[in-house]
Amino acid sequence: MPYQARIPDEIYAQLYQIKHSFEQSLAPHQISNAPSLQDMVNVALKRLIRDWQDSEQHNLLHDELLEQRKIARSNMGRRKSEDR
């Protein structure tokens, strides 16, 4: 069952830059072979799952996820204009 997730603007912009860079590295007739943003998210999620299952990476990922949650909570209700 598919779910939607919000992606912060700055991360979306970085993903778009990666996609654009990838497209630039391909011949014009091969641009359709460039990965989509969804492809990149899928790869990132697979890596997250793999790291979670790796005992050496698990604790690092655990701490990083908790820190991300703390940052997200501190930004809740904040307007984008307040960040500038």
N, C-alpha and C. Protein backbone atom coordinates (compact mmCIF):
# COMPACT_ATOMS: atom_id res chain seq x y z
N MET A 1 0.84 -1.16 0.00
CA MET A 1 0.00 0.00 0.00
C MET A 1 0.90 1.25 0.00
N PRO A 2 0.79 2.12 -0.98
CA PRO A 2 1.66 3.31 -1.05
C PRO A 2 1.26 4.37 -0.03
N TYR A 3 2.25 5.07 0.45
CA TYR A 3 2.05 6.17 1.38
C TYR A 3 2.78 7.39 0.84
N GLN A 4 2.33 8.56 1.24
CA GLN A 4 3.01 9.79 0.87
C GLN A 4 3.82 10.26 2.06
N ALA A 5 4.96 10.86 1.77
CA ALA A 5 5.80 11.44 2.81
C ALA A 5 6.17 12.85 2.39
N ARG A 6 6.25 13.73 3.36
CA ARG A 6 6.68 15.10 3.07
C ARG A 6 8.19 15.13 3.00
N ILE A 7 8.69 15.80 1.99
CA ILE A 7 10.13 15.96 1.84
C ILE A 7 10.42 17.44 1.97
N PRO A 8 11.31 17.82 2.89
CA PRO A 8 11.64 19.25 3.04
C PRO A 8 12.16 19.82 1.72
N ASP A 9 11.87 21.09 1.51
CA ASP A 9 12.26 21.76 0.27
C ASP A 9 13.75 21.63 -0.03
N GLU A 10 14.60 21.78 1.00
CA GLU A 10 16.04 21.73 0.77
C GLU A 10 16.50 20.33 0.32
N ILE A 11 15.87 19.29 0.85
CA ILE A 11 16.21 17.94 0.41
C ILE A 11 15.69 17.68 -0.99
N TYR A 12 14.48 18.14 -1.26
CA TYR A 12 13.92 18.00 -2.60
C TYR A 12 14.81 18.69 -3.62
N ALA A 13 15.30 19.88 -3.28
CA ALA A 13 16.18 20.62 -4.19
C ALA A 13 17.47 19.84 -4.45
N GLN A 14 18.01 19.22 -3.43
CA GLN A 14 19.24 18.42 -3.60
C GLN A 14 18.97 17.20 -4.47
N LEU A 15 17.83 16.55 -4.27
CA LEU A 15 17.48 15.41 -5.11
C LEU A 15 17.33 15.84 -6.57
N TYR A 16 16.71 16.98 -6.76
CA TYR A 16 16.53 17.48 -8.12
C TYR A 16 17.88 17.79 -8.76
N GLN A 17 18.82 18.34 -7.98
CA GLN A 17 20.17 18.62 -8.49
C GLN A 17 20.87 17.32 -8.90
N ILE A 18 20.70 16.27 -8.10
CA ILE A 18 21.29 14.97 -8.44
C ILE A 18 20.69 14.46 -9.74
N LYS A 19 19.38 14.56 -9.85
CA LYS A 19 18.70 14.11 -11.07
C LYS A 19 19.20 14.89 -12.28
N HIS A 20 19.29 16.21 -12.14
CA HIS A 20 19.75 17.05 -13.24
C HIS A 20 21.19 16.71 -13.62
N SER A 21 22.04 16.51 -12.64
CA SER A 21 23.43 16.13 -12.89
C SER A 21 23.50 14.79 -13.63
N PHE A 22 22.67 13.87 -13.21
CA PHE A 22 22.62 12.55 -13.85
C PHE A 22 22.21 12.70 -15.31
N GLU A 23 21.19 13.52 -15.55
CA GLU A 23 20.71 13.73 -16.92
C GLU A 23 21.79 14.36 -17.80
N GLN A 24 22.59 15.26 -17.19
CA GLN A 24 23.67 15.92 -17.94
C GLN A 24 24.75 14.93 -18.35
N SER A 25 24.90 13.85 -17.59
CA SER A 25 25.94 12.87 -17.89
C SER A 25 25.52 11.89 -18.98
N LEU A 26 24.26 11.92 -19.37
CA LEU A 26 23.74 11.00 -20.38
C LEU A 26 23.65 11.66 -21.75
N ALA A 27 23.74 10.85 -22.77
CA ALA A 27 23.53 11.35 -24.13
C ALA A 27 22.07 11.79 -24.25
N PRO A 28 21.80 12.78 -25.10
CA PRO A 28 20.43 13.29 -25.23
C PRO A 28 19.37 12.22 -25.45
N HIS A 29 19.68 11.20 -26.23
CA HIS A 29 18.68 10.17 -26.49
C HIS A 29 18.52 9.19 -25.33
N GLN A 30 19.34 9.35 -24.26
CA GLN A 30 19.27 8.45 -23.11
C GLN A 30 18.73 9.12 -21.85
N ILE A 31 18.31 10.38 -21.95
CA ILE A 31 17.86 11.11 -20.77
C ILE A 31 16.71 10.39 -20.06
N SER A 32 15.89 9.71 -20.82
CA SER A 32 14.78 8.99 -20.19
C SER A 32 15.27 7.85 -19.30
N ASN A 33 16.54 7.48 -19.43
CA ASN A 33 17.12 6.43 -18.58
C ASN A 33 17.56 6.96 -17.22
N ALA A 34 17.54 8.28 -17.04
CA ALA A 34 17.94 8.87 -15.77
C ALA A 34 16.95 8.46 -14.68
N PRO A 35 17.44 8.24 -13.47
CA PRO A 35 16.53 7.86 -12.39
C PRO A 35 15.58 9.01 -12.04
N SER A 36 14.37 8.65 -11.70
CA SER A 36 13.39 9.65 -11.25
C SER A 36 13.65 9.96 -9.78
N LEU A 37 12.98 10.98 -9.27
CA LEU A 37 13.10 11.28 -7.85
C LEU A 37 12.60 10.10 -7.02
N GLN A 38 11.56 9.43 -7.50
CA GLN A 38 11.04 8.25 -6.79
C GLN A 38 12.10 7.14 -6.75
N ASP A 39 12.84 6.95 -7.84
CA ASP A 39 13.91 5.95 -7.85
C ASP A 39 14.95 6.26 -6.78
N MET A 40 15.32 7.54 -6.68
CA MET A 40 16.32 7.94 -5.68
C MET A 40 15.81 7.72 -4.26
N VAL A 41 14.55 8.04 -4.02
CA VAL A 41 13.97 7.82 -2.69
C VAL A 41 13.93 6.33 -2.38
N ASN A 42 13.58 5.51 -3.35
CA ASN A 42 13.55 4.06 -3.13
C ASN A 42 14.92 3.52 -2.75
N VAL A 43 15.96 3.98 -3.45
CA VAL A 43 17.33 3.54 -3.14
C VAL A 43 17.71 3.99 -1.73
N ALA A 44 17.38 5.23 -1.39
CA ALA A 44 17.72 5.75 -0.07
C ALA A 44 17.01 4.95 1.03
N LEU A 45 15.74 4.61 0.80
CA LEU A 45 15.00 3.83 1.80
C LEU A 45 15.56 2.41 1.94
N LYS A 46 15.96 1.82 0.84
CA LYS A 46 16.59 0.49 0.91
C LYS A 46 17.88 0.54 1.70
N ARG A 47 18.66 1.61 1.51
CA ARG A 47 19.90 1.77 2.28
C ARG A 47 19.59 1.95 3.75
N LEU A 48 18.56 2.73 4.07
CA LEU A 48 18.17 2.94 5.46
C LEU A 48 17.82 1.59 6.11
N ILE A 49 17.04 0.79 5.42
CA ILE A 49 16.65 -0.53 5.94
C ILE A 49 17.88 -1.41 6.12
N ARG A 50 18.76 -1.41 5.13
CA ARG A 50 19.98 -2.22 5.22
C ARG A 50 20.83 -1.79 6.41
N ASP A 51 20.98 -0.45 6.60
CA ASP A 51 21.77 0.03 7.73
C ASP A 51 21.10 -0.32 9.05
N TRP A 52 19.79 -0.28 9.11
CA TRP A 52 19.07 -0.62 10.34
C TRP A 52 19.31 -2.07 10.72
N GLN A 53 19.44 -2.93 9.72
CA GLN A 53 19.62 -4.36 9.97
C GLN A 53 21.09 -4.72 10.23
N ASP A 54 22.00 -3.78 9.97
CA ASP A 54 23.43 -3.99 10.19
C ASP A 54 23.77 -3.57 11.62
N SER A 55 24.26 -4.51 12.42
CA SER A 55 24.50 -4.22 13.83
C SER A 55 25.52 -3.09 14.02
N GLU A 56 26.46 -2.93 13.11
CA GLU A 56 27.45 -1.85 13.23
C GLU A 56 26.84 -0.48 12.93
N GLN A 57 25.86 -0.43 12.06
CA GLN A 57 25.25 0.83 11.66
C GLN A 57 24.00 1.17 12.47
N HIS A 58 23.40 0.19 13.08
CA HIS A 58 22.12 0.36 13.76
C HIS A 58 22.13 1.50 14.78
N ASN A 59 23.11 1.51 15.68
CA ASN A 59 23.14 2.54 16.73
C ASN A 59 23.33 3.93 16.15
N LEU A 60 24.19 4.05 15.13
CA LEU A 60 24.39 5.35 14.49
C LEU A 60 23.11 5.85 13.85
N LEU A 61 22.44 4.95 13.16
CA LEU A 61 21.19 5.31 12.50
C LEU A 61 20.12 5.65 13.53
N HIS A 62 20.06 4.89 14.59
CA HIS A 62 19.12 5.14 15.68
C HIS A 62 19.28 6.56 16.20
N ASP A 63 20.52 6.94 16.50
CA ASP A 63 20.79 8.28 17.03
C ASP A 63 20.46 9.36 16.01
N GLU A 64 20.79 9.12 14.75
CA GLU A 64 20.50 10.08 13.69
C GLU A 64 18.99 10.28 13.51
N LEU A 65 18.24 9.19 13.59
CA LEU A 65 16.79 9.29 13.46
C LEU A 65 16.17 10.06 14.64
N LEU A 66 16.68 9.83 15.84
CA LEU A 66 16.18 10.57 17.00
C LEU A 66 16.50 12.06 16.87
N GLU A 67 17.68 12.36 16.38
CA GLU A 67 18.06 13.77 16.18
C GLU A 67 17.19 14.42 15.12
N GLN A 68 16.90 13.70 14.06
CA GLN A 68 16.02 14.23 13.01
C GLN A 68 14.63 14.52 13.56
N ARG A 69 14.12 13.63 14.40
CA ARG A 69 12.79 13.85 15.00
C ARG A 69 12.79 15.10 15.87
N LYS A 70 13.88 15.28 16.64
CA LYS A 70 14.01 16.46 17.50
C LYS A 70 14.01 17.74 16.65
N ILE A 71 14.74 17.74 15.55
CA ILE A 71 14.79 18.90 14.65
C ILE A 71 13.41 19.16 14.05
N ALA A 72 12.76 18.11 13.59
CA ALA A 72 11.44 18.26 12.97
C ALA A 72 10.44 18.83 13.98
N ARG A 73 10.50 18.38 15.20
CA ARG A 73 9.57 18.88 16.22
C ARG A 73 9.84 20.35 16.53
N SER A 74 11.10 20.72 16.54
CA SER A 74 11.42 22.12 16.84
C SER A 74 10.98 23.04 15.71
N ASN A 75 10.85 22.50 14.51
CA ASN A 75 10.42 23.30 13.35
C ASN A 75 8.91 23.30 13.16
N MET A 76 8.17 22.48 13.90
CA MET A 76 6.72 22.41 13.73
C MET A 76 6.08 23.76 14.02
N GLY A 77 5.18 24.15 13.14
CA GLY A 77 4.47 25.40 13.30
C GLY A 77 5.26 26.61 12.87
N ARG A 78 6.48 26.41 12.49
CA ARG A 78 7.33 27.49 12.04
C ARG A 78 7.06 27.79 10.58
N ARG A 79 7.02 29.04 10.24
CA ARG A 79 6.83 29.41 8.83
C ARG A 79 8.19 29.43 8.14
N LYS A 80 8.17 29.12 6.85
CA LYS A 80 9.43 29.13 6.09
C LYS A 80 10.11 30.47 6.15
N SER A 81 9.33 31.55 6.18
CA SER A 81 9.90 32.89 6.22
C SER A 81 10.66 33.15 7.52
N GLU A 82 10.33 32.41 8.58
CA GLU A 82 11.03 32.55 9.85
C GLU A 82 12.43 31.96 9.79
N ASP A 83 12.66 31.02 8.87
CA ASP A 83 13.96 30.37 8.75
C ASP A 83 14.99 31.28 8.07
N ARG A 84 14.51 32.28 7.39
CA ARG A 84 15.42 33.12 6.60
C ARG A 84 15.93 34.28 7.38
